PDB file of N, CA and C in Angstrom:
ATOM      1  N   MET A   1      65.025 -51.172 153.182  1.00  0.00           N
ATOM      2  CA  MET A   1      64.860 -52.586 152.903  1.00  0.00           C
ATOM      3  C   MET A   1      64.099 -53.224 154.066  1.00  0.00           C
ATOM      4  N   SER A   2      63.131 -54.049 153.738  1.00  0.00           N
ATOM      5  CA  SER A   2      62.375 -54.746 154.780  1.00  0.00           C
ATOM      6  C   SER A   2      63.252 -55.836 155.406  1.00  0.00           C
ATOM      7  N   ALA A   3      62.879 -56.252 156.589  1.00  0.00           N
ATOM      8  CA  ALA A   3      63.638 -57.297 157.279  1.00  0.00           C
ATOM      9  C   ALA A   3      63.554 -58.621 156.528  1.00  0.00           C
ATOM     10  N   ILE A   4      62.408 -58.902 155.933  1.00  0.00           N
ATOM     11  CA  ILE A   4      62.287 -60.163 155.185  1.00  0.00           C
ATOM     12  C   ILE A   4      63.190 -60.127 153.954  1.00  0.00           C
ATOM     13  N   ALA A   5      63.315 -58.974 153.315  1.00  0.00           N
ATOM     14  CA  ALA A   5      64.224 -58.848 152.167  1.00  0.00           C
ATOM     15  C   ALA A   5      65.674 -59.041 152.604  1.00  0.00           C
ATOM     16  N   LYS A   6      66.019 -58.483 153.743  1.00  0.00           N
ATOM     17  CA  LYS A   6      67.369 -58.652 154.274  1.00  0.00           C
ATOM     18  C   LYS A   6      67.636 -60.119 154.592  1.00  0.00           C
ATOM     19  N   ALA A   7      66.649 -60.801 155.144  1.00  0.00           N
ATOM     20  CA  ALA A   7      66.800 -62.221 155.466  1.00  0.00           C
ATOM     21  C   ALA A   7      67.044 -63.044 154.204  1.00  0.00           C
ATOM     22  N   VAL A   8      66.297 -62.747 153.148  1.00  0.00           N
ATOM     23  CA  VAL A   8      66.482 -63.462 151.882  1.00  0.00           C
ATOM     24  C   VAL A   8      67.894 -63.233 151.361  1.00  0.00           C
ATOM     25  N   GLU A   9      68.361 -62.005 151.441  1.00  0.00           N
ATOM     26  CA  GLU A   9      69.716 -61.675 150.986  1.00  0.00           C
ATOM     27  C   GLU A   9      70.771 -62.447 151.781  1.00  0.00           C
ATOM     28  N   ILE A  10      70.597 -62.510 153.088  1.00  0.00           N
ATOM     29  CA  ILE A  10      71.568 -63.196 153.951  1.00  0.00           C
ATOM     30  C   ILE A  10      71.586 -64.700 153.685  1.00  0.00           C
ATOM     31  N   VAL A  11      70.407 -65.289 153.564  1.00  0.00           N
ATOM     32  CA  VAL A  11      70.306 -66.738 153.354  1.00  0.00           C
ATOM     33  C   VAL A  11      70.770 -67.107 151.942  1.00  0.00           C
ATOM     34  N   GLY A  12      70.594 -66.189 150.998  1.00  0.00           N
ATOM     35  CA  GLY A  12      71.100 -66.434 149.658  1.00  0.00           C
ATOM     36  C   GLY A  12      70.076 -66.375 148.551  1.00  0.00           C
ATOM     37  N   SER A  13      68.848 -66.786 148.859  1.00  0.00           N
ATOM     38  CA  SER A  13      67.798 -66.743 147.839  1.00  0.00           C
ATOM     39  C   SER A  13      66.447 -67.011 148.484  1.00  0.00           C
ATOM     40  N   GLN A  14      65.405 -66.688 147.731  1.00  0.00           N
ATOM     41  CA  GLN A  14      64.051 -67.000 148.186  1.00  0.00           C
ATOM     42  C   GLN A  14      63.885 -68.510 148.325  1.00  0.00           C
ATOM     43  N   THR A  15      64.443 -69.246 147.391  1.00  0.00           N
ATOM     44  CA  THR A  15      64.334 -70.708 147.410  1.00  0.00           C
ATOM     45  C   THR A  15      65.017 -71.288 148.643  1.00  0.00           C
ATOM     46  N   ALA A  16      66.175 -70.755 148.990  1.00  0.00           N
ATOM     47  CA  ALA A  16      66.899 -71.255 150.161  1.00  0.00           C
ATOM     48  C   ALA A  16      66.100 -70.997 151.440  1.00  0.00           C
ATOM     49  N   LEU A  17      65.532 -69.802 151.569  1.00  0.00           N
ATOM     50  CA  LEU A  17      64.733 -69.500 152.760  1.00  0.00           C
ATOM     51  C   LEU A  17      63.483 -70.366 152.798  1.00  0.00           C
ATOM     52  N   ALA A  18      62.850 -70.537 151.659  1.00  0.00           N
ATOM     53  CA  ALA A  18      61.665 -71.388 151.594  1.00  0.00           C
ATOM     54  C   ALA A  18      61.992 -72.813 152.040  1.00  0.00           C
ATOM     55  N   HIS A  19      63.117 -73.325 151.588  1.00  0.00           N
ATOM     56  CA  HIS A  19      63.541 -74.683 151.962  1.00  0.00           C
ATOM     57  C   HIS A  19      63.749 -74.785 153.477  1.00  0.00           C
ATOM     58  N   ILE A  20      64.400 -73.806 154.059  1.00  0.00           N
ATOM     59  CA  ILE A  20      64.639 -73.795 155.508  1.00  0.00           C
ATOM     60  C   ILE A  20      63.323 -73.795 156.275  1.00  0.00           C
ATOM     61  N   LEU A  21      62.352 -73.037 155.767  1.00  0.00           N
ATOM     62  CA  LEU A  21      61.070 -72.886 156.469  1.00  0.00           C
ATOM     63  C   LEU A  21      60.058 -73.967 156.119  1.00  0.00           C
ATOM     64  N   GLY A  22      60.342 -74.745 155.093  1.00  0.00           N
ATOM     65  CA  GLY A  22      59.417 -75.802 154.680  1.00  0.00           C
ATOM     66  C   GLY A  22      58.197 -75.267 153.958  1.00  0.00           C
ATOM     67  N   VAL A  23      58.389 -74.171 153.205  1.00  0.00           N
ATOM     68  CA  VAL A  23      57.297 -73.599 152.410  1.00  0.00           C
ATOM     69  C   VAL A  23      57.761 -73.512 150.964  1.00  0.00           C
ATOM     70  N   LYS A  24      56.844 -73.169 150.071  1.00  0.00           N
ATOM     71  CA  LYS A  24      57.199 -73.005 148.669  1.00  0.00           C
ATOM     72  C   LYS A  24      57.839 -71.635 148.446  1.00  0.00           C
ATOM     73  N   GLN A  25      58.690 -71.570 147.441  1.00  0.00           N
ATOM     74  CA  GLN A  25      59.346 -70.312 147.101  1.00  0.00           C
ATOM     75  C   GLN A  25      58.321 -69.230 146.797  1.00  0.00           C
ATOM     76  N   ALA A  26      57.194 -69.595 146.237  1.00  0.00           N
ATOM     77  CA  ALA A  26      56.140 -68.623 145.914  1.00  0.00           C
ATOM     78  C   ALA A  26      55.619 -67.917 147.161  1.00  0.00           C
ATOM     79  N   HIS A  27      55.614 -68.613 148.292  1.00  0.00           N
ATOM     80  CA  HIS A  27      55.194 -67.971 149.544  1.00  0.00           C
ATOM     81  C   HIS A  27      56.172 -66.863 149.919  1.00  0.00           C
ATOM     82  N   VAL A  28      57.456 -67.166 149.833  1.00  0.00           N
ATOM     83  CA  VAL A  28      58.473 -66.169 150.170  1.00  0.00           C
ATOM     84  C   VAL A  28      58.360 -64.987 149.206  1.00  0.00           C
ATOM     85  N   TRP A  29      58.138 -65.259 147.940  1.00  0.00           N
ATOM     86  CA  TRP A  29      57.973 -64.189 146.957  1.00  0.00           C
ATOM     87  C   TRP A  29      56.815 -63.276 147.357  1.00  0.00           C
ATOM     88  N   SER A  30      55.689 -63.863 147.752  1.00  0.00           N
ATOM     89  CA  SER A  30      54.531 -63.032 148.117  1.00  0.00           C
ATOM     90  C   SER A  30      54.792 -62.238 149.393  1.00  0.00           C
ATOM     91  N   TRP A  31      55.560 -62.802 150.328  1.00  0.00           N
ATOM     92  CA  TRP A  31      55.913 -62.043 151.527  1.00  0.00           C
ATOM     93  C   TRP A  31      56.738 -60.828 151.143  1.00  0.00           C
ATOM     94  N   LEU A  32      57.637 -60.991 150.184  1.00  0.00           N
ATOM     95  CA  LEU A  32      58.511 -59.902 149.750  1.00  0.00           C
ATOM     96  C   LEU A  32      57.779 -58.836 148.945  1.00  0.00           C
ATOM     97  N   HIS A  33      56.983 -59.264 147.981  1.00  0.00           N
ATOM     98  CA  HIS A  33      56.441 -58.341 146.994  1.00  0.00           C
ATOM     99  C   HIS A  33      54.997 -57.903 147.229  1.00  0.00           C
ATOM    100  N   ILE A  34      54.223 -58.678 147.935  1.00  0.00           N
ATOM    101  CA  ILE A  34      52.816 -58.325 148.164  1.00  0.00           C
ATOM    102  C   ILE A  34      52.602 -57.860 149.601  1.00  0.00           C
ATOM    103  N   HIS A  35      52.974 -58.706 150.546  1.00  0.00           N
ATOM    104  CA  HIS A  35      52.697 -58.408 151.960  1.00  0.00           C
ATOM    105  C   HIS A  35      53.749 -57.518 152.606  1.00  0.00           C
ATOM    106  N   LYS A  36      54.971 -57.541 152.086  1.00  0.00           N
ATOM    107  CA  LYS A  36      56.098 -56.754 152.613  1.00  0.00           C
ATOM    108  C   LYS A  36      56.484 -57.160 154.033  1.00  0.00           C
ATOM    109  N   ARG A  37      56.130 -58.383 154.415  1.00  0.00           N
ATOM    110  CA  ARG A  37      56.476 -58.913 155.740  1.00  0.00           C
ATOM    111  C   ARG A  37      56.268 -60.422 155.734  1.00  0.00           C
ATOM    112  N   SER A  38      56.883 -61.062 156.715  1.00  0.00           N
ATOM    113  CA  SER A  38      56.702 -62.505 156.854  1.00  0.00           C
ATOM    114  C   SER A  38      55.556 -62.762 157.823  1.00  0.00           C
ATOM    115  N   PRO A  39      54.895 -63.903 157.695  1.00  0.00           N
ATOM    116  CA  PRO A  39      53.883 -64.256 158.685  1.00  0.00           C
ATOM    117  C   PRO A  39      54.522 -64.385 160.069  1.00  0.00           C
ATOM    118  N   ALA A  40      53.796 -63.976 161.075  1.00  0.00           N
ATOM    119  CA  ALA A  40      54.320 -63.965 162.443  1.00  0.00           C
ATOM    120  C   ALA A  40      54.818 -65.338 162.882  1.00  0.00           C
ATOM    121  N   LYS A  41      54.175 -66.400 162.418  1.00  0.00           N
ATOM    122  CA  LYS A  41      54.568 -67.732 162.889  1.00  0.00           C
ATOM    123  C   LYS A  41      55.956 -68.150 162.407  1.00  0.00           C
ATOM    124  N   TYR A  42      56.519 -67.450 161.414  1.00  0.00           N
ATOM    125  CA  TYR A  42      57.850 -67.786 160.911  1.00  0.00           C
ATOM    126  C   TYR A  42      58.944 -66.861 161.425  1.00  0.00           C
ATOM    127  N   ILE A  43      58.608 -65.859 162.191  1.00  0.00           N
ATOM    128  CA  ILE A  43      59.579 -64.854 162.615  1.00  0.00           C
ATOM    129  C   ILE A  43      60.775 -65.479 163.338  1.00  0.00           C
ATOM    130  N   ARG A  44      60.530 -66.307 164.319  1.00  0.00           N
ATOM    131  CA  ARG A  44      61.635 -66.893 165.088  1.00  0.00           C
ATOM    132  C   ARG A  44      62.537 -67.748 164.201  1.00  0.00           C
ATOM    133  N   ARG A  45      61.923 -68.547 163.325  1.00  0.00           N
ATOM    134  CA  ARG A  45      62.701 -69.431 162.461  1.00  0.00           C
ATOM    135  C   ARG A  45      63.525 -68.642 161.443  1.00  0.00           C
ATOM    136  N   ILE A  46      62.987 -67.534 160.956  1.00  0.00           N
ATOM    137  CA  ILE A  46      63.742 -66.687 160.026  1.00  0.00           C
ATOM    138  C   ILE A  46      64.935 -66.077 160.744  1.00  0.00           C
ATOM    139  N   SER A  47      64.720 -65.602 161.953  1.00  0.00           N
ATOM    140  CA  SER A  47      65.812 -65.031 162.734  1.00  0.00           C
ATOM    141  C   SER A  47      66.912 -66.069 162.957  1.00  0.00           C
ATOM    142  N   LEU A  48      66.529 -67.276 163.287  1.00  0.00           N
ATOM    143  CA  LEU A  48      67.508 -68.346 163.482  1.00  0.00           C
ATOM    144  C   LEU A  48      68.238 -68.672 162.181  1.00  0.00           C
ATOM    145  N   ALA A  49      67.520 -68.652 161.062  1.00  0.00           N
ATOM    146  CA  ALA A  49      68.130 -68.954 159.760  1.00  0.00           C
ATOM    147  C   ALA A  49      69.198 -67.929 159.391  1.00  0.00           C
ATOM    148  N   THR A  50      69.033 -66.698 159.871  1.00  0.00           N
ATOM    149  CA  THR A  50      70.019 -65.647 159.586  1.00  0.00           C
ATOM    150  C   THR A  50      71.054 -65.541 160.698  1.00  0.00           C
ATOM    151  N   ARG A  51      70.994 -66.467 161.636  1.00  0.00           N
ATOM    152  CA  ARG A  51      71.907 -66.485 162.789  1.00  0.00           C
ATOM    153  C   ARG A  51      71.878 -65.163 163.543  1.00  0.00           C
ATOM    154  N   GLY A  52      70.661 -64.606 163.646  1.00  0.00           N
ATOM    155  CA  GLY A  52      70.465 -63.390 164.422  1.00  0.00           C
ATOM    156  C   GLY A  52      70.797 -62.101 163.700  1.00  0.00           C
ATOM    157  N   GLN A  53      71.267 -62.193 162.454  1.00  0.00           N
ATOM    158  CA  GLN A  53      71.562 -60.970 161.710  1.00  0.00           C
ATOM    159  C   GLN A  53      70.292 -60.175 161.424  1.00  0.00           C
ATOM    160  N   VAL A  54      69.173 -60.882 161.338  1.00  0.00           N
ATOM    161  CA  VAL A  54      67.855 -60.255 161.293  1.00  0.00           C
ATOM    162  C   VAL A  54      67.152 -60.733 162.552  1.00  0.00           C
ATOM    163  N   SER A  55      66.903 -59.816 163.467  1.00  0.00           N
ATOM    164  CA  SER A  55      66.335 -60.203 164.761  1.00  0.00           C
ATOM    165  C   SER A  55      64.807 -60.344 164.691  1.00  0.00           C
ATOM    166  N   ASP A  56      64.263 -60.959 165.725  1.00  0.00           N
ATOM    167  CA  ASP A  56      62.809 -61.062 165.851  1.00  0.00           C
ATOM    168  C   ASP A  56      62.189 -59.675 165.795  1.00  0.00           C
ATOM    169  N   SER A  57      62.787 -58.731 166.511  1.00  0.00           N
ATOM    170  CA  SER A  57      62.215 -57.385 166.557  1.00  0.00           C
ATOM    171  C   SER A  57      62.306 -56.687 165.205  1.00  0.00           C
ATOM    172  N   ASP A  58      63.356 -56.957 164.425  1.00  0.00           N
ATOM    173  CA  ASP A  58      63.440 -56.402 163.068  1.00  0.00           C
ATOM    174  C   ASP A  58      62.263 -56.896 162.230  1.00  0.00           C
ATOM    175  N   LEU A  59      61.994 -58.188 162.309  1.00  0.00           N
ATOM    176  CA  LEU A  59      60.906 -58.777 161.544  1.00  0.00           C
ATOM    177  C   LEU A  59      59.545 -58.271 162.030  1.00  0.00           C
ATOM    178  N   LEU A  60      59.411 -58.060 163.322  1.00  0.00           N
ATOM    179  CA  LEU A  60      58.151 -57.519 163.860  1.00  0.00           C
ATOM    180  C   LEU A  60      57.907 -56.086 163.402  1.00  0.00           C
ATOM    181  N   LYS A  61      58.986 -55.319 163.223  1.00  0.00           N
ATOM    182  CA  LYS A  61      58.839 -53.939 162.745  1.00  0.00           C
ATOM    183  C   LYS A  61      58.198 -53.881 161.375  1.00  0.00           C
ATOM    184  N   ASP A  62      58.421 -54.907 160.537  1.00  0.00           N
ATOM    185  CA  ASP A  62      57.755 -54.958 159.231  1.00  0.00           C
ATOM    186  C   ASP A  62      56.241 -54.958 159.394  1.00  0.00           C
ATOM    187  N   HIS A  63      55.746 -55.519 160.485  1.00  0.00           N
ATOM    188  CA  HIS A  63      54.294 -55.577 160.720  1.00  0.00           C
ATOM    189  C   HIS A  63      53.729 -54.221 161.115  1.00  0.00           C
ATOM    190  N   GLU A  64      54.574 -53.305 161.567  1.00  0.00           N
ATOM    191  CA  GLU A  64      54.127 -51.992 162.003  1.00  0.00           C
ATOM    192  C   GLU A  64      54.005 -51.006 160.850  1.00  0.00           C
ATOM    193  N   ARG A  65      54.580 -51.318 159.721  1.00  0.00           N
ATOM    194  CA  ARG A  65      54.565 -50.399 158.573  1.00  0.00           C
ATOM    195  C   ARG A  65      53.267 -50.415 157.843  1.00  0.00           C
TER     196      ARG A  65
END
């Protein structure tokens, strides 16, 4: 499972994560299904949204795949 997928699971839904980040749910969907990673500029905020359950380094590892 990718770190972004884990983050969505922890937060509860794509819509919930999108709301936290101030983006549309469609953006989160494309990160999950097309890009398989979140944009680098959202990494810290995603980590904070999961209260550290998904770390910055976990999200960065998605960029290495």
